[in-house]
Amino acid sequence: MPSIPAVRWVRATAFLPLVALAALFTVSAALAPPRGASADPDAPIDQALQSAIDPTQLPGLVAMIADSHGVIYQGAFGERDALQHLPMAPDSIFRIASMTKPVTSVAVMQLVESGRVKLDEPAATYLPELAHLQVLDEFDPATGKARLRPPKSPPTVRQLLTHTSGFVYEFFDPTMHAYAASGAVPSASQGGDAFLNAPLLFDPGTRWEYGISCDWLGRLVERVSGESLEDYFHRHIFSPLGMDDTFFNVPPEKQARVVAVFARRPDGAFFEPPPQPFTPVKFFSGGGGLYSTAADYIKFERMLLDGGKLARARILRSSSVAEMSRNQIGSLNLVALTSMIPQFAKNPVRVPGSLDKFGLGFAINTQAVGGGRSAGSLAWAGIYNTYFWIDPSRKLCGVLMTQLLPFSDDATLSAFDKFERAAYARSAHAAAFRSQQSLF
């Protein structure tokens, strides 16, 4: 016969299932959607994105979210071709422009892992044509006179990856814009690779400024690997990850899926310029030449989210991903960009996420975004208003793609902000539900 204390314990524990059941109902009630609201966890995201689509604001978009378990959301809204009234689809193909840069950076890190490239080696070790770089100290557009000098130190591979090399973009820098306009160096707008002959604008390592560094890194990958950048990406990144819709040259049988480019007029309305024929790419730009889909790019993001692997395909060591994700510019900060070509990028030029530092191929936010990504997340964007982020802390990543100029479009940025917030609200709800389930 149990002692009196034991009897009390037995009687007390008899009520535990009832207490747990009451707790279950309490938690379930808290997690249940409000009366009249949809129980579909994707509904708030759908609503946020669908509400952004408007014939006068945003023609169409595709968005995806993934966590450590896989893709948890995808949506396609609006039109990919307004002239023919073709609907946007999850497999629509976009020009991802500068979202090529993280891919190039991963390729460089693969070469670092194999011992063929060293991060702190002068880039001229692998690209001898960089041995005689000059810094453009002054330029007078009125007279065409320029003062150039050798840099105090040569740019390293690490500085190319972090945009502290001294290379800039002519369309984001007034001095280089005037220098290119004078004919002193070819403009990037002319096509081809002659723009790579541009001088540095500052001594390597002394400040951060966005520029053509990743185009030089693409050259480095080709030189060291002995493969074209197109072939290298396919063999070492795209094929292992199953990125079957990502290319420099879109195959003829897939060209019908490419989204038309829309342009915003000064009055706010947009129009669709006549389509341009596809011509084979000869210069594989490591800074901005790829086409891709949201589904493909989120595979790339998931690989980084999982420390360099996706399923059984390991692309990078986890230590390499950690290095890429770390602030590499010390006390330097990202600077605000000023567009020299308003129809190309709108002032003020903005990339979402409170970005202030830079790793090896990605911008980083050191402060959490309210209602959104954690501190230490990675992000970048493409000139046609394509955006992505990777949040290692919350194990969440997302991508939103449109095909609209100019960059930093207000309607797209608003849609992206709502998308990111809805993604984190969904993630928080799912985490709470999983926690509830684990109790029983």
Protein backbone atom coordinates (compact mmCIF):
# COMPACT_ATOMS: atom_id res chain seq x y z
CA MET A 1 0.00 0.00 0.00
CA PRO A 2 1.55 3.37 -0.98
CA SER A 3 2.44 5.88 1.66
CA ILE A 4 0.28 9.01 2.01
CA PRO A 5 2.74 11.20 0.02
CA ALA A 6 2.77 8.60 -2.75
CA VAL A 7 -1.03 8.56 -2.86
CA ARG A 8 -1.06 12.33 -3.22
CA TRP A 9 1.47 12.08 -6.08
CA VAL A 10 -0.64 9.46 -7.88
CA ARG A 11 -3.76 11.56 -7.52
CA ALA A 12 -1.93 14.69 -8.74
CA THR A 13 -0.48 12.98 -11.78
CA ALA A 14 -3.90 11.66 -12.71
CA PHE A 15 -4.82 15.21 -13.65
CA LEU A 16 -1.77 15.76 -15.90
CA PRO A 17 -3.42 14.48 -19.11
CA LEU A 18 -6.32 16.86 -18.50
CA VAL A 19 -3.90 19.75 -17.93
CA ALA A 20 -1.98 18.85 -21.11
CA LEU A 21 -5.23 18.60 -23.04
CA ALA A 22 -6.28 22.02 -21.81
CA ALA A 23 -2.89 23.40 -22.80
CA LEU A 24 -3.28 21.87 -26.25
CA PHE A 25 -6.63 23.57 -26.74
CA THR A 26 -5.17 26.86 -25.48
CA VAL A 27 -2.18 26.73 -27.84
CA SER A 28 -4.33 25.53 -30.72
CA ALA A 29 -6.72 28.40 -30.18
CA ALA A 30 -3.82 30.83 -30.19
CA LEU A 31 -2.48 29.39 -33.45
CA ALA A 32 -5.84 29.09 -35.15
CA PRO A 33 -6.59 31.69 -37.85
CA PRO A 34 -9.12 34.39 -36.99
CA ARG A 35 -12.74 33.65 -37.85
CA GLY A 36 -13.26 34.26 -41.55
CA ALA A 37 -9.52 34.01 -42.34
CA SER A 38 -8.05 31.31 -44.54
CA ALA A 39 -6.38 28.32 -42.85
CA ASP A 40 -3.98 28.13 -45.80
CA PRO A 41 -0.55 29.29 -44.50
CA ASP A 42 0.31 30.58 -47.97
CA ALA A 43 -2.76 32.80 -48.23
CA PRO A 44 -1.20 35.92 -46.61
CA ILE A 45 1.80 35.69 -48.95
CA ASP A 46 -0.44 35.19 -51.97
CA GLN A 47 -2.51 38.18 -50.94
CA ALA A 48 0.54 40.39 -50.42
CA LEU A 49 1.95 39.55 -53.85
CA GLN A 50 -1.34 39.50 -55.75
CA SER A 51 -2.19 42.95 -54.40
CA ALA A 52 1.07 44.28 -55.87
CA ILE A 53 0.12 43.28 -59.42
CA ASP A 54 -1.45 46.15 -61.31
CA PRO A 55 -1.38 47.16 -64.99
CA THR A 56 0.03 50.54 -63.98
CA GLN A 57 2.38 49.40 -61.20
CA LEU A 58 3.84 45.91 -61.51
CA PRO A 59 3.22 43.59 -64.49
CA GLY A 60 4.25 40.28 -62.96
CA LEU A 61 6.52 38.42 -60.56
CA VAL A 62 7.56 35.01 -59.28
CA ALA A 63 8.51 34.43 -55.63
CA MET A 64 9.75 31.45 -53.64
CA ILE A 65 10.68 30.70 -50.03
CA ALA A 66 12.65 27.76 -48.64
CA ASP A 67 13.80 26.58 -45.23
CA SER A 68 16.13 23.82 -44.11
CA HIS A 69 13.57 21.21 -45.16
CA GLY A 70 13.00 22.49 -48.70
CA VAL A 71 10.74 24.84 -50.64
CA ILE A 72 7.79 25.96 -48.53
CA TYR A 73 6.24 28.51 -50.87
CA GLN A 74 6.07 29.41 -54.56
CA GLY A 75 3.83 31.80 -56.39
CA ALA A 76 3.55 33.35 -59.85
CA PHE A 77 1.41 36.43 -60.50
CA GLY A 78 0.60 38.74 -63.39
CA GLU A 79 1.97 38.53 -66.91
CA ARG A 80 5.37 37.72 -68.36
CA ASP A 81 4.42 39.30 -71.69
CA ALA A 82 1.82 42.07 -71.71
CA LEU A 83 1.74 42.41 -75.50
CA GLN A 84 0.67 38.79 -75.93
CA HIS A 85 -1.06 38.54 -72.52
CA LEU A 86 0.99 35.51 -71.51
CA PRO A 87 0.68 34.62 -67.82
CA MET A 88 3.65 34.48 -65.50
CA ALA A 89 4.55 30.91 -64.51
CA PRO A 90 6.76 29.35 -61.82
CA ASP A 91 9.22 28.26 -64.53
CA SER A 92 9.44 31.68 -66.21
CA ILE A 93 13.03 32.60 -67.04
CA PHE A 94 14.49 35.94 -65.92
CA ARG A 95 17.62 37.95 -66.62
CA ILE A 96 19.17 37.91 -63.15
CA ALA A 97 22.00 40.37 -63.92
CA SER A 98 24.07 40.99 -60.76
CA MET A 99 22.62 37.95 -59.01
CA THR A 100 25.26 36.26 -61.20
CA LYS A 101 27.93 37.65 -58.85
CA PRO A 102 27.29 35.22 -55.96
CA VAL A 103 27.57 32.33 -58.42
CA THR A 104 30.93 33.64 -59.63
CA SER A 105 32.03 34.05 -56.03
CA VAL A 106 31.16 30.42 -55.27
CA ALA A 107 33.21 29.34 -58.30
CA VAL A 108 36.21 31.32 -56.99
CA MET A 109 35.86 29.71 -53.57
CA GLN A 110 35.87 26.28 -55.19
CA LEU A 111 39.23 27.17 -56.73
CA VAL A 112 40.43 28.38 -53.33
CA GLU A 113 39.42 25.04 -51.79
CA SER A 114 41.34 23.13 -54.45
CA GLY A 115 44.47 25.18 -53.71
CA ARG A 116 44.63 26.78 -57.14
CA VAL A 117 43.77 30.28 -55.91
CA LYS A 118 44.72 32.16 -52.74
CA LEU A 119 42.43 34.87 -51.42
CA ASP A 120 45.18 37.28 -50.36
CA GLU A 121 47.31 36.83 -53.45
CA PRO A 122 47.42 39.75 -55.90
CA ALA A 123 44.86 39.11 -58.63
CA ALA A 124 47.65 39.76 -61.16
CA THR A 125 49.19 36.43 -60.13
CA TYR A 126 46.39 34.77 -62.08
CA LEU A 127 45.59 37.64 -64.46
CA PRO A 128 48.91 39.22 -65.56
CA GLU A 129 47.05 41.97 -67.42
CA LEU A 130 46.20 43.45 -64.00
CA ALA A 131 49.89 43.99 -63.18
CA HIS A 132 49.93 47.49 -64.65
CA LEU A 133 46.72 48.96 -63.27
CA GLN A 134 46.46 52.70 -62.71
CA VAL A 135 44.37 54.74 -60.29
CA LEU A 136 42.38 57.61 -61.79
CA ASP A 137 43.09 60.41 -59.30
CA GLU A 138 41.53 63.28 -61.23
CA PHE A 139 39.61 63.87 -64.43
CA ASP A 140 38.49 67.18 -65.93
CA PRO A 141 35.60 66.59 -68.35
CA ALA A 142 36.02 70.07 -69.84
CA THR A 143 39.60 69.52 -70.94
CA GLY A 144 39.71 65.73 -71.04
CA LYS A 145 42.84 65.78 -68.91
CA ALA A 146 43.32 62.89 -66.48
CA ARG A 147 45.84 62.25 -63.74
CA LEU A 148 46.67 58.59 -63.21
CA ARG A 149 49.16 56.87 -60.93
CA PRO A 150 50.07 53.34 -59.83
CA PRO A 151 48.07 51.98 -56.87
CA LYS A 152 49.78 51.86 -53.47
CA SER A 153 49.15 48.11 -53.44
CA PRO A 154 47.78 45.68 -56.04
CA PRO A 155 44.19 44.44 -55.68
CA THR A 156 43.91 40.95 -54.20
CA VAL A 157 41.40 38.22 -54.97
CA ARG A 158 39.72 38.91 -51.63
CA GLN A 159 39.36 42.59 -52.52
CA LEU A 160 37.75 41.68 -55.85
CA LEU A 161 35.25 39.51 -53.96
CA THR A 162 34.42 42.30 -51.50
CA HIS A 163 34.27 45.27 -53.93
CA THR A 164 37.16 46.98 -52.19
CA SER A 165 39.47 46.53 -55.19
CA GLY A 166 39.17 50.07 -56.56
CA PHE A 167 37.12 49.03 -59.59
CA VAL A 168 33.77 50.84 -59.92
CA TYR A 169 30.77 50.95 -62.25
CA GLU A 170 30.56 53.93 -64.59
CA PHE A 171 26.78 54.14 -64.14
CA PHE A 172 27.11 54.45 -60.35
CA ASP A 173 30.14 56.74 -60.14
CA PRO A 174 30.22 60.32 -61.50
CA THR A 175 33.98 60.43 -62.12
CA MET A 176 34.08 57.13 -64.01
CA HIS A 177 30.89 58.05 -65.85
CA ALA A 178 32.50 61.26 -67.14
CA TYR A 179 35.73 59.40 -67.97
CA ALA A 180 33.89 56.78 -70.04
CA ALA A 181 31.70 59.43 -71.69
CA SER A 182 34.86 61.18 -72.88
CA GLY A 183 35.88 58.04 -74.76
CA ALA A 184 38.96 57.46 -72.61
CA VAL A 185 37.69 53.91 -71.92
CA PRO A 186 34.87 51.97 -73.59
CA SER A 187 31.49 52.06 -71.88
CA ALA A 188 29.94 48.84 -70.59
CA SER A 189 26.79 49.83 -72.46
CA GLN A 190 28.60 49.12 -75.75
CA GLY A 191 28.63 45.40 -74.98
CA GLY A 192 31.62 43.09 -75.05
CA ASP A 193 34.44 43.17 -72.51
CA ALA A 194 36.40 46.29 -73.46
CA PHE A 195 35.06 48.08 -70.37
CA LEU A 196 37.44 45.92 -68.32
CA ASN A 197 40.21 48.31 -69.40
CA ALA A 198 38.88 50.90 -66.95
CA PRO A 199 41.33 52.15 -64.31
CA LEU A 200 40.86 51.89 -60.56
CA LEU A 201 39.24 54.85 -58.83
CA PHE A 202 40.87 54.40 -55.42
CA ASP A 203 43.63 52.43 -53.75
CA PRO A 204 42.61 48.82 -53.04
CA GLY A 205 41.35 48.20 -49.53
CA THR A 206 40.67 51.86 -48.69
CA ARG A 207 36.91 51.91 -49.31
CA TRP A 208 33.93 49.93 -50.59
CA GLU A 209 32.37 50.73 -53.96
CA TYR A 210 30.33 48.51 -56.22
CA GLY A 211 31.96 47.77 -59.56
CA ILE A 212 33.33 45.45 -62.22
CA SER A 213 35.37 43.27 -59.86
CA CYS A 214 33.25 40.16 -60.47
CA ASP A 215 33.79 40.43 -64.21
CA TRP A 216 37.49 40.14 -63.51
CA LEU A 217 36.76 37.21 -61.19
CA GLY A 218 34.92 35.50 -64.05
CA ARG A 219 38.08 35.90 -66.11
CA LEU A 220 40.10 34.47 -63.22
CA VAL A 221 37.89 31.37 -63.07
CA GLU A 222 38.35 30.82 -66.80
CA ARG A 223 42.11 31.35 -66.68
CA VAL A 224 42.75 29.07 -63.70
CA SER A 225 40.29 26.31 -64.63
CA GLY A 226 40.97 26.28 -68.36
CA GLU A 227 37.20 26.27 -69.00
CA SER A 228 34.85 28.95 -70.22
CA LEU A 229 32.78 30.44 -67.42
CA GLU A 230 29.69 28.94 -69.05
CA ASP A 231 31.19 25.44 -68.99
CA TYR A 232 32.63 25.84 -65.50
CA PHE A 233 29.32 26.96 -64.00
CA HIS A 234 27.47 24.11 -65.69
CA ARG A 235 29.88 21.36 -64.63
CA HIS A 236 30.70 22.46 -61.10
CA ILE A 237 27.58 24.29 -59.89
CA PHE A 238 24.46 24.08 -62.06
CA SER A 239 24.51 20.39 -62.98
CA PRO A 240 25.24 19.13 -59.44
CA LEU A 241 22.49 21.35 -58.02
CA GLY A 242 19.96 20.46 -60.71
CA MET A 243 19.79 24.06 -61.95
CA ASP A 244 18.61 23.05 -65.40
CA ASP A 245 17.16 26.44 -66.34
CA THR A 246 20.19 28.64 -65.67
CA PHE A 247 22.46 29.70 -68.54
CA PHE A 248 24.34 32.48 -70.30
CA ASN A 249 22.72 31.38 -73.57
CA VAL A 250 19.08 30.33 -73.30
CA PRO A 251 18.47 27.26 -75.52
CA PRO A 252 16.05 27.91 -78.41
CA GLU A 253 13.49 25.49 -77.00
CA LYS A 254 13.30 27.50 -73.75
CA GLN A 255 13.37 31.04 -75.12
CA ALA A 256 9.57 31.29 -75.17
CA ARG A 257 9.65 31.16 -71.34
CA VAL A 258 11.86 34.25 -71.01
CA VAL A 259 10.04 37.16 -69.38
CA ALA A 260 9.74 40.38 -71.38
CA VAL A 261 11.54 43.45 -70.05
CA PHE A 262 9.23 46.24 -68.93
CA ALA A 263 10.33 49.85 -68.55
CA ARG A 264 8.84 52.47 -66.26
CA ARG A 265 8.10 55.87 -67.81
CA PRO A 266 8.74 59.10 -65.87
CA ASP A 267 4.97 59.41 -65.30
CA GLY A 268 4.99 56.07 -63.45
CA ALA A 269 3.32 53.94 -66.12
CA PHE A 270 5.31 51.14 -67.70
CA PHE A 271 5.59 49.86 -71.23
CA GLU A 272 7.02 46.79 -72.91
CA PRO A 273 9.68 47.60 -75.51
CA PRO A 274 9.75 45.47 -78.68
CA PRO A 275 11.45 42.12 -78.00
CA GLN A 276 15.06 41.76 -79.08
CA PRO A 277 16.30 38.63 -80.85
CA PHE A 278 18.49 36.26 -78.88
CA THR A 279 22.10 36.38 -80.05
CA PRO A 280 24.81 34.02 -78.77
CA VAL A 281 26.82 35.48 -75.89
CA LYS A 282 30.56 35.62 -76.52
CA PHE A 283 31.63 37.35 -73.32
CA PHE A 284 30.55 35.39 -70.25
CA SER A 285 30.16 38.11 -67.64
CA GLY A 286 30.87 37.00 -64.10
CA GLY A 287 29.21 40.20 -62.96
CA GLY A 288 25.85 39.96 -64.64
CA GLY A 289 25.23 37.67 -67.57
CA LEU A 290 22.98 34.84 -66.39
CA TYR A 291 19.37 33.91 -67.03
CA SER A 292 17.62 31.80 -64.38
CA THR A 293 14.33 30.89 -62.72
CA ALA A 294 13.23 31.44 -59.15
CA ALA A 295 13.16 27.65 -58.71
CA ASP A 296 16.77 27.32 -59.84
CA TYR A 297 18.06 30.23 -57.83
CA ILE A 298 16.45 29.02 -54.63
CA LYS A 299 18.37 25.75 -55.08
CA PHE A 300 21.55 27.83 -55.10
CA GLU A 301 20.39 29.64 -51.95
CA ARG A 302 19.45 26.40 -50.21
CA MET A 303 22.93 25.06 -50.92
CA LEU A 304 24.44 28.02 -49.09
CA LEU A 305 21.83 27.81 -46.33
CA ASP A 306 22.89 24.21 -45.69
CA GLY A 307 26.59 24.98 -45.49
CA GLY A 308 27.56 24.28 -49.09
CA LYS A 309 25.44 21.28 -49.99
CA LEU A 310 22.03 20.46 -51.40
CA ALA A 311 20.82 16.92 -50.80
CA ARG A 312 23.84 14.76 -51.74
CA ALA A 313 25.58 17.41 -53.85
CA ARG A 314 28.36 19.21 -51.98
CA ILE A 315 29.44 22.37 -53.78
CA LEU A 316 31.53 23.99 -51.04
CA ARG A 317 32.88 23.10 -47.62
CA SER A 318 30.89 24.51 -44.72
CA SER A 319 34.00 26.43 -43.64
CA SER A 320 34.10 28.17 -47.03
CA VAL A 321 30.45 29.20 -46.73
CA ALA A 322 31.14 30.50 -43.22
CA GLU A 323 34.02 32.59 -44.57
CA MET A 324 31.84 33.97 -47.36
CA SER A 325 29.19 34.90 -44.80
CA ARG A 326 31.55 36.84 -42.52
CA ASN A 327 32.14 40.59 -42.68
CA GLN A 328 35.25 40.95 -44.82
CA ILE A 329 35.52 44.75 -44.98
CA GLY A 330 36.23 45.51 -41.33
CA SER A 331 35.32 49.05 -40.33
CA LEU A 332 34.45 50.03 -43.91
CA ASN A 333 30.77 50.37 -44.73
CA LEU A 334 28.68 50.04 -47.86
CA VAL A 335 28.17 53.45 -49.44
CA ALA A 336 25.01 54.80 -51.01
CA LEU A 337 25.03 54.47 -54.78
CA THR A 338 24.01 57.32 -57.08
CA SER A 339 22.65 56.42 -60.49
CA MET A 340 24.12 58.27 -63.46
CA ILE A 341 21.48 56.79 -65.78
CA PRO A 342 17.96 57.26 -64.34
CA GLN A 343 16.31 54.93 -66.86
CA PHE A 344 18.71 52.20 -65.70
CA ALA A 345 18.56 52.71 -61.92
CA LYS A 346 16.34 55.07 -59.95
CA ASN A 347 17.65 57.39 -57.24
CA PRO A 348 17.89 56.82 -54.40
CA VAL A 349 19.36 53.43 -55.28
CA ARG A 350 18.14 50.95 -52.66
CA VAL A 351 18.71 47.27 -52.00
CA PRO A 352 16.38 45.94 -49.25
CA GLY A 353 17.65 44.62 -45.94
CA SER A 354 19.58 47.40 -44.14
CA LEU A 355 22.79 46.18 -45.74
CA ASP A 356 25.98 47.68 -44.28
CA LYS A 357 28.81 45.14 -44.63
CA PHE A 358 30.10 42.77 -47.29
CA GLY A 359 31.34 39.20 -47.24
CA LEU A 360 32.82 37.23 -50.12
CA GLY A 361 30.14 37.76 -52.75
CA PHE A 362 27.23 38.94 -50.59
CA ALA A 363 26.10 42.03 -48.71
CA ILE A 364 25.38 41.54 -44.99
CA ASN A 365 23.09 43.33 -42.54
CA THR A 366 24.56 43.60 -39.04
CA GLN A 367 21.22 44.64 -37.54
CA ALA A 368 18.03 42.59 -37.67
CA VAL A 369 15.23 43.87 -39.91
CA GLY A 370 12.01 44.40 -37.99
CA GLY A 371 9.53 41.71 -38.98
CA GLY A 372 12.08 40.23 -41.37
CA ARG A 373 15.56 38.78 -41.68
CA SER A 374 18.00 38.24 -38.82
CA ALA A 375 21.28 40.04 -38.35
CA GLY A 376 24.00 38.33 -40.36
CA SER A 377 21.78 37.51 -43.33
CA LEU A 378 23.18 37.56 -46.87
CA ALA A 379 21.61 39.33 -49.82
CA TRP A 380 21.98 41.00 -53.17
CA ALA A 381 19.93 41.94 -56.23
CA GLY A 382 19.85 42.28 -60.01
CA ILE A 383 19.31 45.41 -62.11
CA TYR A 384 15.98 44.14 -63.49
CA ASN A 385 14.55 44.23 -59.95
CA THR A 386 15.33 40.69 -58.85
CA TYR A 387 16.08 40.25 -55.14
CA PHE A 388 17.10 37.48 -52.74
CA TRP A 389 18.14 36.92 -49.15
CA ILE A 390 19.60 34.03 -47.12
CA ASP A 391 19.08 33.96 -43.33
CA PRO A 392 21.43 31.40 -41.71
CA SER A 393 20.08 32.07 -38.21
CA ARG A 394 16.45 31.37 -39.04
CA LYS A 395 17.31 28.84 -41.77
CA LEU A 396 15.15 30.72 -44.24
CA CYS A 397 15.80 32.07 -47.72
CA GLY A 398 13.70 33.77 -50.36
CA VAL A 399 13.80 35.15 -53.88
CA LEU A 400 11.52 37.51 -55.78
CA MET A 401 11.93 38.11 -59.50
CA THR A 402 10.44 40.75 -61.76
CA GLN A 403 11.76 42.08 -65.07
CA LEU A 404 11.41 45.80 -64.82
CA LEU A 405 13.61 48.86 -65.29
CA PRO A 406 14.77 51.06 -63.70
CA PHE A 407 16.29 49.28 -60.72
CA SER A 408 15.12 50.23 -57.21
CA ASP A 409 11.54 50.42 -58.45
CA ASP A 410 9.19 51.61 -55.70
CA ALA A 411 6.38 49.17 -56.50
CA THR A 412 8.77 46.22 -56.57
CA LEU A 413 10.49 47.24 -53.34
CA SER A 414 7.11 47.56 -51.64
CA ALA A 415 6.10 44.10 -52.88
CA PHE A 416 9.41 42.64 -51.71
CA ASP A 417 9.04 44.18 -48.25
CA LYS A 418 5.55 42.71 -47.86
CA PHE A 419 6.80 39.37 -49.21
CA GLU A 420 9.67 39.18 -46.73
CA ARG A 421 7.47 40.10 -43.76
CA ALA A 422 4.83 37.56 -44.79
CA ALA A 423 7.54 34.92 -45.17
CA TYR A 424 8.73 35.44 -41.61
CA ALA A 425 5.20 35.53 -40.23
CA ARG A 426 4.56 32.18 -41.93
CA SER A 427 7.84 30.80 -40.58
CA ALA A 428 7.03 31.92 -37.02
CA HIS A 429 3.59 30.33 -37.21
CA ALA A 430 5.07 27.07 -38.53
CA ALA A 431 7.72 27.03 -35.80
CA ALA A 432 5.07 27.53 -33.12
CA PHE A 433 2.98 24.73 -34.59
CA ARG A 434 5.99 22.36 -34.65
CA SER A 435 6.73 23.26 -31.04
CA GLN A 436 3.14 22.51 -30.11
CA GLN A 437 3.30 19.15 -31.87
CA SER A 438 6.50 18.20 -30.07
CA LEU A 439 4.73 18.52 -26.72
CA PHE A 440 2.62 15.52 -27.48
